[in-house]
Amino acid sequence: MTPIVHITDKEAALMRENERLTDKVKRQSATIHVQAVAIQALQDDAERYRWLRKMHDICDDEITLWHVRGDDGQPVNVGRLDTAIDNARKEQS
């Protein structure tokens, strides 16, 4: 059977190169997305820190000791600190 469209060797090479570059762009796009998520997380952490510093600076005491405790009076797991800060910021805005 004769093919309807004949592809030259040069065209076939260009098609392979196009496919290779398309795959490369997809991988780079995925890497950029991962990095963008990491940057956003760092920006969120920086905003939390600025918020904490602002709260610290508002205090009139010469020495301020920060004790993070839950409603039951027990120390709060550090993993929940970000959530507590975010919730307090939402309440203030």
PDB file of N, CA and C in Angstrom:
ATOM      1  N   MET A   1       0.826  -1.170   0.000  1.00  0.00           N
ATOM      2  CA  MET A   1       0.000   0.000   0.000  1.00  0.00           C
ATOM      3  C   MET A   1       0.877   1.242   0.000  1.00  0.00           C
ATOM      4  N   THR A   2       0.515   2.195  -0.792  1.00  0.00           N
ATOM      5  CA  THR A   2       1.259   3.444  -0.880  1.00  0.00           C
ATOM      6  C   THR A   2       0.698   4.441   0.123  1.00  0.00           C
ATOM      7  N   PRO A   3       1.581   5.030   0.945  1.00  0.00           N
ATOM      8  CA  PRO A   3       1.074   6.020   1.905  1.00  0.00           C
ATOM      9  C   PRO A   3       0.489   7.229   1.186  1.00  0.00           C
ATOM     10  N   ILE A   4      -0.540   7.802   1.796  1.00  0.00           N
ATOM     11  CA  ILE A   4      -1.195   8.976   1.188  1.00  0.00           C
ATOM     12  C   ILE A   4      -0.248  10.163   1.209  1.00  0.00           C
ATOM     13  N   VAL A   5       0.466  10.342   2.315  1.00  0.00           N
ATOM     14  CA  VAL A   5       1.401  11.464   2.426  1.00  0.00           C
ATOM     15  C   VAL A   5       2.784  10.871   2.658  1.00  0.00           C
ATOM     16  N   HIS A   6       3.701  11.318   1.883  1.00  0.00           N
ATOM     17  CA  HIS A   6       5.071  10.850   2.031  1.00  0.00           C
ATOM     18  C   HIS A   6       5.837  11.844   2.904  1.00  0.00           C
ATOM     19  N   ILE A   7       6.452  11.336   3.971  1.00  0.00           N
ATOM     20  CA  ILE A   7       7.226  12.180   4.875  1.00  0.00           C
ATOM     21  C   ILE A   7       8.699  11.953   4.572  1.00  0.00           C
ATOM     22  N   THR A   8       9.384  13.033   4.327  1.00  0.00           N
ATOM     23  CA  THR A   8      10.812  12.923   4.038  1.00  0.00           C
ATOM     24  C   THR A   8      11.574  12.662   5.330  1.00  0.00           C
ATOM     25  N   ASP A   9      12.812  12.243   5.184  1.00  0.00           N
ATOM     26  CA  ASP A   9      13.655  12.006   6.357  1.00  0.00           C
ATOM     27  C   ASP A   9      13.828  13.293   7.165  1.00  0.00           C
ATOM     28  N   LYS A  10      13.954  14.401   6.466  1.00  0.00           N
ATOM     29  CA  LYS A  10      14.112  15.689   7.139  1.00  0.00           C
ATOM     30  C   LYS A  10      12.856  16.030   7.939  1.00  0.00           C
ATOM     31  N   GLU A  11      11.691  15.801   7.371  1.00  0.00           N
ATOM     32  CA  GLU A  11      10.430  16.073   8.074  1.00  0.00           C
ATOM     33  C   GLU A  11      10.271  15.149   9.283  1.00  0.00           C
ATOM     34  N   ALA A  12      10.657  13.892   9.130  1.00  0.00           N
ATOM     35  CA  ALA A  12      10.581  12.945  10.236  1.00  0.00           C
ATOM     36  C   ALA A  12      11.513  13.377  11.372  1.00  0.00           C
ATOM     37  N   ALA A  13      12.706  13.841  11.005  1.00  0.00           N
ATOM     38  CA  ALA A  13      13.655  14.317  12.018  1.00  0.00           C
ATOM     39  C   ALA A  13      13.091  15.549  12.732  1.00  0.00           C
ATOM     40  N   LEU A  14      12.461  16.439  11.999  1.00  0.00           N
ATOM     41  CA  LEU A  14      11.855  17.626  12.602  1.00  0.00           C
ATOM     42  C   LEU A  14      10.703  17.243  13.529  1.00  0.00           C
ATOM     43  N   MET A  15       9.940  16.256  13.158  1.00  0.00           N
ATOM     44  CA  MET A  15       8.829  15.800  14.006  1.00  0.00           C
ATOM     45  C   MET A  15       9.365  15.201  15.308  1.00  0.00           C
ATOM     46  N   ARG A  16      10.441  14.405  15.214  1.00  0.00           N
ATOM     47  CA  ARG A  16      11.049  13.838  16.421  1.00  0.00           C
ATOM     48  C   ARG A  16      11.604  14.940  17.319  1.00  0.00           C
ATOM     49  N   GLU A  17      12.243  15.935  16.703  1.00  0.00           N
ATOM     50  CA  GLU A  17      12.792  17.056  17.471  1.00  0.00           C
ATOM     51  C   GLU A  17      11.675  17.853  18.139  1.00  0.00           C
ATOM     52  N   ASN A  18      10.577  18.034  17.441  1.00  0.00           N
ATOM     53  CA  ASN A  18       9.421  18.726  18.005  1.00  0.00           C
ATOM     54  C   ASN A  18       8.878  17.958  19.212  1.00  0.00           C
ATOM     55  N   GLU A  19       8.769  16.656  19.096  1.00  0.00           N
ATOM     56  CA  GLU A  19       8.279  15.827  20.196  1.00  0.00           C
ATOM     57  C   GLU A  19       9.228  15.893  21.396  1.00  0.00           C
ATOM     58  N   ARG A  20      10.541  15.848  21.107  1.00  0.00           N
ATOM     59  CA  ARG A  20      11.539  15.917  22.180  1.00  0.00           C
ATOM     60  C   ARG A  20      11.433  17.254  22.915  1.00  0.00           C
ATOM     61  N   LEU A  21      11.317  18.338  22.163  1.00  0.00           N
ATOM     62  CA  LEU A  21      11.232  19.662  22.776  1.00  0.00           C
ATOM     63  C   LEU A  21       9.912  19.853  23.529  1.00  0.00           C
ATOM     64  N   THR A  22       8.844  19.293  23.001  1.00  0.00           N
ATOM     65  CA  THR A  22       7.552  19.371  23.685  1.00  0.00           C
ATOM     66  C   THR A  22       7.629  18.666  25.030  1.00  0.00           C
ATOM     67  N   ASP A  23       8.240  17.482  25.059  1.00  0.00           N
ATOM     68  CA  ASP A  23       8.417  16.754  26.322  1.00  0.00           C
ATOM     69  C   ASP A  23       9.277  17.555  27.295  1.00  0.00           C
ATOM     70  N   LYS A  24      10.316  18.194  26.779  1.00  0.00           N
ATOM     71  CA  LYS A  24      11.200  18.988  27.620  1.00  0.00           C
ATOM     72  C   LYS A  24      10.442  20.171  28.233  1.00  0.00           C
ATOM     73  N   VAL A  25       9.616  20.835  27.442  1.00  0.00           N
ATOM     74  CA  VAL A  25       8.825  21.959  27.939  1.00  0.00           C
ATOM     75  C   VAL A  25       7.851  21.495  29.017  1.00  0.00           C
ATOM     76  N   LYS A  26       7.245  20.327  28.816  1.00  0.00           N
ATOM     77  CA  LYS A  26       6.320  19.792  29.831  1.00  0.00           C
ATOM     78  C   LYS A  26       7.048  19.534  31.141  1.00  0.00           C
ATOM     79  N   ARG A  27       8.249  18.948  31.080  1.00  0.00           N
ATOM     80  CA  ARG A  27       9.024  18.692  32.301  1.00  0.00           C
ATOM     81  C   ARG A  27       9.421  20.000  32.978  1.00  0.00           C
ATOM     82  N   GLN A  28       9.831  20.992  32.178  1.00  0.00           N
ATOM     83  CA  GLN A  28      10.218  22.281  32.751  1.00  0.00           C
ATOM     84  C   GLN A  28       9.011  22.981  33.375  1.00  0.00           C
ATOM     85  N   SER A  29       7.857  22.865  32.745  1.00  0.00           N
ATOM     86  CA  SER A  29       6.646  23.472  33.294  1.00  0.00           C
ATOM     87  C   SER A  29       6.291  22.851  34.641  1.00  0.00           C
ATOM     88  N   ALA A  30       6.437  21.542  34.749  1.00  0.00           N
ATOM     89  CA  ALA A  30       6.158  20.861  36.013  1.00  0.00           C
ATOM     90  C   ALA A  30       7.141  21.332  37.088  1.00  0.00           C
ATOM     91  N   THR A  31       8.413  21.479  36.725  1.00  0.00           N
ATOM     92  CA  THR A  31       9.419  21.958  37.674  1.00  0.00           C
ATOM     93  C   THR A  31       9.106  23.383  38.115  1.00  0.00           C
ATOM     94  N   ILE A  32       8.719  24.225  37.187  1.00  0.00           N
ATOM     95  CA  ILE A  32       8.369  25.613  37.511  1.00  0.00           C
ATOM     96  C   ILE A  32       7.174  25.651  38.452  1.00  0.00           C
ATOM     97  N   HIS A  33       6.198  24.785  38.223  1.00  0.00           N
ATOM     98  CA  HIS A  33       5.022  24.740  39.100  1.00  0.00           C
ATOM     99  C   HIS A  33       5.424  24.362  40.525  1.00  0.00           C
ATOM    100  N   VAL A  34       6.272  23.348  40.659  1.00  0.00           N
ATOM    101  CA  VAL A  34       6.734  22.920  41.986  1.00  0.00           C
ATOM    102  C   VAL A  34       7.469  24.077  42.670  1.00  0.00           C
ATOM    103  N   GLN A  35       8.304  24.776  41.931  1.00  0.00           N
ATOM    104  CA  GLN A  35       9.048  25.896  42.505  1.00  0.00           C
ATOM    105  C   GLN A  35       8.116  27.045  42.888  1.00  0.00           C
ATOM    106  N   ALA A  36       7.084  27.288  42.083  1.00  0.00           N
ATOM    107  CA  ALA A  36       6.122  28.345  42.401  1.00  0.00           C
ATOM    108  C   ALA A  36       5.379  28.030  43.696  1.00  0.00           C
ATOM    109  N   VAL A  37       5.024  26.776  43.891  1.00  0.00           N
ATOM    110  CA  VAL A  37       4.352  26.362  45.134  1.00  0.00           C
ATOM    111  C   VAL A  37       5.297  26.572  46.320  1.00  0.00           C
ATOM    112  N   ALA A  38       6.570  26.230  46.149  1.00  0.00           N
ATOM    113  CA  ALA A  38       7.549  26.406  47.225  1.00  0.00           C
ATOM    114  C   ALA A  38       7.734  27.891  47.549  1.00  0.00           C
ATOM    115  N   ILE A  39       7.781  28.727  46.528  1.00  0.00           N
ATOM    116  CA  ILE A  39       7.918  30.174  46.739  1.00  0.00           C
ATOM    117  C   ILE A  39       6.709  30.710  47.488  1.00  0.00           C
ATOM    118  N   GLN A  40       5.522  30.268  47.122  1.00  0.00           N
ATOM    119  CA  GLN A  40       4.307  30.727  47.801  1.00  0.00           C
ATOM    120  C   GLN A  40       4.334  30.322  49.268  1.00  0.00           C
ATOM    121  N   ALA A  41       4.801  29.117  49.566  1.00  0.00           N
ATOM    122  CA  ALA A  41       4.898  28.671  50.953  1.00  0.00           C
ATOM    123  C   ALA A  41       5.874  29.544  51.739  1.00  0.00           C
ATOM    124  N   LEU A  42       6.993  29.901  51.113  1.00  0.00           N
ATOM    125  CA  LEU A  42       7.960  30.779  51.772  1.00  0.00           C
ATOM    126  C   LEU A  42       7.378  32.171  51.997  1.00  0.00           C
ATOM    127  N   GLN A  43       6.622  32.674  51.025  1.00  0.00           N
ATOM    128  CA  GLN A  43       5.980  33.981  51.190  1.00  0.00           C
ATOM    129  C   GLN A  43       4.960  33.943  52.331  1.00  0.00           C
ATOM    130  N   ASP A  44       4.214  32.854  52.439  1.00  0.00           N
ATOM    131  CA  ASP A  44       3.252  32.705  53.532  1.00  0.00           C
ATOM    132  C   ASP A  44       3.973  32.668  54.881  1.00  0.00           C
ATOM    133  N   ASP A  45       5.090  31.933  54.946  1.00  0.00           N
ATOM    134  CA  ASP A  45       5.874  31.884  56.181  1.00  0.00           C
ATOM    135  C   ASP A  45       6.403  33.268  56.545  1.00  0.00           C
ATOM    136  N   ALA A  46       6.869  34.003  55.558  1.00  0.00           N
ATOM    137  CA  ALA A  46       7.386  35.350  55.811  1.00  0.00           C
ATOM    138  C   ALA A  46       6.277  36.257  56.347  1.00  0.00           C
ATOM    139  N   GLU A  47       5.088  36.139  55.792  1.00  0.00           N
ATOM    140  CA  GLU A  47       3.963  36.946  56.268  1.00  0.00           C
ATOM    141  C   GLU A  47       3.601  36.571  57.703  1.00  0.00           C
ATOM    142  N   ARG A  48       3.648  35.291  58.027  1.00  0.00           N
ATOM    143  CA  ARG A  48       3.399  34.861  59.406  1.00  0.00           C
ATOM    144  C   ARG A  48       4.432  35.468  60.353  1.00  0.00           C
ATOM    145  N   TYR A  49       5.681  35.440  59.935  1.00  0.00           N
ATOM    146  CA  TYR A  49       6.745  35.991  60.765  1.00  0.00           C
ATOM    147  C   TYR A  49       6.533  37.489  60.959  1.00  0.00           C
ATOM    148  N   ARG A  50       6.230  38.225  59.890  1.00  0.00           N
ATOM    149  CA  ARG A  50       5.985  39.667  60.016  1.00  0.00           C
ATOM    150  C   ARG A  50       4.826  39.932  60.969  1.00  0.00           C
ATOM    151  N   TRP A  51       3.790  39.103  60.878  1.00  0.00           N
ATOM    152  CA  TRP A  51       2.634  39.263  61.753  1.00  0.00           C
ATOM    153  C   TRP A  51       3.042  39.043  63.206  1.00  0.00           C
ATOM    154  N   LEU A  52       3.825  37.989  63.486  1.00  0.00           N
ATOM    155  CA  LEU A  52       4.294  37.729  64.844  1.00  0.00           C
ATOM    156  C   LEU A  52       5.159  38.873  65.363  1.00  0.00           C
ATOM    157  N   ARG A  53       6.047  39.373  64.506  1.00  0.00           N
ATOM    158  CA  ARG A  53       6.908  40.481  64.919  1.00  0.00           C
ATOM    159  C   ARG A  53       6.059  41.713  65.243  1.00  0.00           C
ATOM    160  N   LYS A  54       5.052  41.968  64.451  1.00  0.00           N
ATOM    161  CA  LYS A  54       4.181  43.117  64.698  1.00  0.00           C
ATOM    162  C   LYS A  54       3.487  42.956  66.048  1.00  0.00           C
ATOM    163  N   MET A  55       2.988  41.748  66.319  1.00  0.00           N
ATOM    164  CA  MET A  55       2.332  41.504  67.596  1.00  0.00           C
ATOM    165  C   MET A  55       3.322  41.684  68.751  1.00  0.00           C
ATOM    166  N   HIS A  56       4.552  41.244  68.554  1.00  0.00           N
ATOM    167  CA  HIS A  56       5.585  41.381  69.578  1.00  0.00           C
ATOM    168  C   HIS A  56       5.891  42.855  69.819  1.00  0.00           C
ATOM    169  N   ASP A  57       6.008  43.637  68.750  1.00  0.00           N
ATOM    170  CA  ASP A  57       6.351  45.050  68.874  1.00  0.00           C
ATOM    171  C   ASP A  57       5.242  45.857  69.539  1.00  0.00           C
ATOM    172  N   ILE A  58       3.999  45.386  69.433  1.00  0.00           N
ATOM    173  CA  ILE A  58       2.872  46.090  70.035  1.00  0.00           C
ATOM    174  C   ILE A  58       2.926  46.001  71.562  1.00  0.00           C
ATOM    175  N   CYS A  59       3.492  44.906  72.070  1.00  0.00           N
ATOM    176  CA  CYS A  59       3.550  44.703  73.525  1.00  0.00           C
ATOM    177  C   CYS A  59       4.421  45.779  74.168  1.00  0.00           C
ATOM    178  N   ASP A  60       3.964  46.296  75.314  1.00  0.00           N
ATOM    179  CA  ASP A  60       4.699  47.343  76.020  1.00  0.00           C
ATOM    180  C   ASP A  60       5.781  46.787  76.933  1.00  0.00           C
ATOM    181  N   ASP A  61       5.701  45.535  77.270  1.00  0.00           N
ATOM    182  CA  ASP A  61       6.676  44.943  78.183  1.00  0.00           C
ATOM    183  C   ASP A  61       8.067  44.987  77.573  1.00  0.00           C
ATOM    184  N   GLU A  62       9.055  45.215  78.448  1.00  0.00           N
ATOM    185  CA  GLU A  62      10.423  45.214  77.959  1.00  0.00           C
ATOM    186  C   GLU A  62      10.822  43.819  77.497  1.00  0.00           C
ATOM    187  N   ILE A  63      10.383  42.827  78.250  1.00  0.00           N
ATOM    188  CA  ILE A  63      10.667  41.433  77.893  1.00  0.00           C
ATOM    189  C   ILE A  63       9.330  40.718  77.716  1.00  0.00           C
ATOM    190  N   THR A  64       9.136  40.147  76.573  1.00  0.00           N
ATOM    191  CA  THR A  64       7.904  39.409  76.307  1.00  0.00           C
ATOM    192  C   THR A  64       8.250  37.947  76.095  1.00  0.00           C
ATOM    193  N   LEU A  65       7.641  37.103  76.873  1.00  0.00           N
ATOM    194  CA  LEU A  65       7.833  35.669  76.699  1.00  0.00           C
ATOM    195  C   LEU A  65       6.600  35.117  75.996  1.00  0.00           C
ATOM    196  N   TRP A  66       6.822  34.376  74.957  1.00  0.00           N
ATOM    197  CA  TRP A  66       5.713  33.803  74.189  1.00  0.00           C
ATOM    198  C   TRP A  66       5.489  32.373  74.634  1.00  0.00           C
ATOM    199  N   HIS A  67       4.286  32.101  75.084  1.00  0.00           N
ATOM    200  CA  HIS A  67       3.903  30.740  75.455  1.00  0.00           C
ATOM    201  C   HIS A  67       2.713  30.368  74.582  1.00  0.00           C
ATOM    202  N   VAL A  68       2.896  29.383  73.768  1.00  0.00           N
ATOM    203  CA  VAL A  68       1.810  28.943  72.902  1.00  0.00           C
ATOM    204  C   VAL A  68       1.163  27.741  73.561  1.00  0.00           C
ATOM    205  N   ARG A  69      -0.077  27.947  73.995  1.00  0.00           N
ATOM    206  CA  ARG A  69      -0.802  26.881  74.682  1.00  0.00           C
ATOM    207  C   ARG A  69      -2.196  26.779  74.088  1.00  0.00           C
ATOM    208  N   GLY A  70      -2.721  25.585  74.131  1.00  0.00           N
ATOM    209  CA  GLY A  70      -4.062  25.351  73.625  1.00  0.00           C
ATOM    210  C   GLY A  70      -5.114  25.729  74.656  1.00  0.00           C
ATOM    211  N   ASP A  71      -6.382  25.541  74.314  1.00  0.00           N
ATOM    212  CA  ASP A  71      -7.488  25.858  75.219  1.00  0.00           C
ATOM    213  C   ASP A  71      -7.405  25.068  76.516  1.00  0.00           C
ATOM    214  N   ASP A  72      -6.776  23.892  76.455  1.00  0.00           N
ATOM    215  CA  ASP A  72      -6.660  23.057  77.652  1.00  0.00           C
ATOM    216  C   ASP A  72      -5.438  23.414  78.496  1.00  0.00           C
ATOM    217  N   GLY A  73      -4.702  24.445  78.109  1.00  0.00           N
ATOM    218  CA  GLY A  73      -3.535  24.881  78.866  1.00  0.00           C
ATOM    219  C   GLY A  73      -2.262  24.123  78.551  1.00  0.00           C
ATOM    220  N   GLN A  74      -2.354  23.133  77.683  1.00  0.00           N
ATOM    221  CA  GLN A  74      -1.177  22.338  77.317  1.00  0.00           C
ATOM    222  C   GLN A  74      -0.449  22.999  76.151  1.00  0.00           C
ATOM    223  N   PRO A  75       0.877  22.815  76.067  1.00  0.00           N
ATOM    224  CA  PRO A  75       1.611  23.382  74.936  1.00  0.00           C
ATOM    225  C   PRO A  75       1.035  22.908  73.600  1.00  0.00           C
ATOM    226  N   VAL A  76       0.980  23.819  72.650  1.00  0.00           N
ATOM    227  CA  VAL A  76       0.449  23.508  71.326  1.00  0.00           C
ATOM    228  C   VAL A  76       1.552  22.870  70.490  1.00  0.00           C
ATOM    229  N   ASN A  77       1.203  21.819  69.796  1.00  0.00           N
ATOM    230  CA  ASN A  77       2.124  21.172  68.867  1.00  0.00           C
ATOM    231  C   ASN A  77       2.557  22.206  67.834  1.00  0.00           C
ATOM    232  N   VAL A  78       3.856  22.315  67.587  1.00  0.00           N
ATOM    233  CA  VAL A  78       4.376  23.320  66.665  1.00  0.00           C
ATOM    234  C   VAL A  78       3.734  23.198  65.291  1.00  0.00           C
ATOM    235  N   GLY A  79       3.362  22.014  64.877  1.00  0.00           N
ATOM    236  CA  GLY A  79       2.731  21.823  63.574  1.00  0.00           C
ATOM    237  C   GLY A  79       1.410  22.561  63.461  1.00  0.00           C
ATOM    238  N   ARG A  80       0.760  22.860  64.588  1.00  0.00           N
ATOM    239  CA  ARG A  80      -0.513  23.572  64.568  1.00  0.00           C
ATOM    240  C   ARG A  80      -0.329  25.075  64.717  1.00  0.00           C
ATOM    241  N   LEU A  81       0.899  25.541  64.955  1.00  0.00           N
ATOM    242  CA  LEU A  81       1.145  26.956  65.173  1.00  0.00           C
ATOM    243  C   LEU A  81       0.768  27.781  63.942  1.00  0.00           C
ATOM    244  N   ASP A  82       1.151  27.327  62.759  1.00  0.00           N
ATOM    245  CA  ASP A  82       0.811  28.065  61.540  1.00  0.00           C
ATOM    246  C   ASP A  82      -0.694  28.243  61.406  1.00  0.00           C
ATOM    247  N   THR A  83      -1.427  27.195  61.705  1.00  0.00           N
ATOM    248  CA  THR A  83      -2.886  27.275  61.616  1.00  0.00           C
ATOM    249  C   THR A  83      -3.424  28.266  62.625  1.00  0.00           C
ATOM    250  N   ALA A  84      -2.880  28.252  63.831  1.00  0.00           N
ATOM    251  CA  ALA A  84      -3.337  29.186  64.859  1.00  0.00           C
ATOM    252  C   ALA A  84      -3.051  30.626  64.449  1.00  0.00           C
ATOM    253  N   ILE A  85      -1.886  30.873  63.887  1.00  0.00           N
ATOM    254  CA  ILE A  85      -1.537  32.223  63.431  1.00  0.00           C
ATOM    255  C   ILE A  85      -2.467  32.649  62.307  1.00  0.00           C
ATOM    256  N   ASP A  86      -2.671  31.760  61.333  1.00  0.00           N
ATOM    257  CA  ASP A  86      -3.560  32.089  60.208  1.00  0.00           C
ATOM    258  C   ASP A  86      -4.966  32.405  60.695  1.00  0.00           C
ATOM    259  N   ASN A  87      -5.482  31.609  61.629  1.00  0.00           N
ATOM    260  CA  ASN A  87      -6.838  31.854  62.149  1.00  0.00           C
ATOM    261  C   ASN A  87      -6.923  33.192  62.870  1.00  0.00           C
ATOM    262  N   ALA A  88      -5.917  33.517  63.674  1.00  0.00           N
ATOM    263  CA  ALA A  88      -5.911  34.797  64.389  1.00  0.00           C
ATOM    264  C   ALA A  88      -5.841  35.963  63.402  1.00  0.00           C
ATOM    265  N   ARG A  89      -5.055  35.816  62.346  1.00  0.00           N
ATOM    266  CA  ARG A  89      -4.963  36.881  61.338  1.00  0.00           C
ATOM    267  C   ARG A  89      -6.296  37.080  60.649  1.00  0.00           C
ATOM    268  N   LYS A  90      -6.998  35.991  60.356  1.00  0.00           N
ATOM    269  CA  LYS A  90      -8.315  36.097  59.707  1.00  0.00           C
ATOM    270  C   LYS A  90      -9.301  36.817  60.599  1.00  0.00           C
ATOM    271  N   GLU A  91      -9.251  36.531  61.912  1.00  0.00           N
ATOM    272  CA  GLU A  91     -10.151  37.168  62.850  1.00  0.00           C
ATOM    273  C   GLU A  91      -9.900  38.681  62.938  1.00  0.00           C
ATOM    274  N   GLN A  92      -8.650  39.092  62.768  1.00  0.00           N
ATOM    275  CA  GLN A  92      -8.302  40.509  62.863  1.00  0.00           C
ATOM    276  C   GLN A  92      -8.642  41.280  61.599  1.00  0.00           C
ATOM    277  N   SER A  93      -8.738  40.602  60.475  1.00  0.00           N
ATOM    278  CA  SER A  93      -8.988  41.327  59.219  1.00  0.00           C
ATOM    279  C   SER A  93     -10.450  41.457  58.911  1.00  0.00           C
TER     280      SER A  93
END
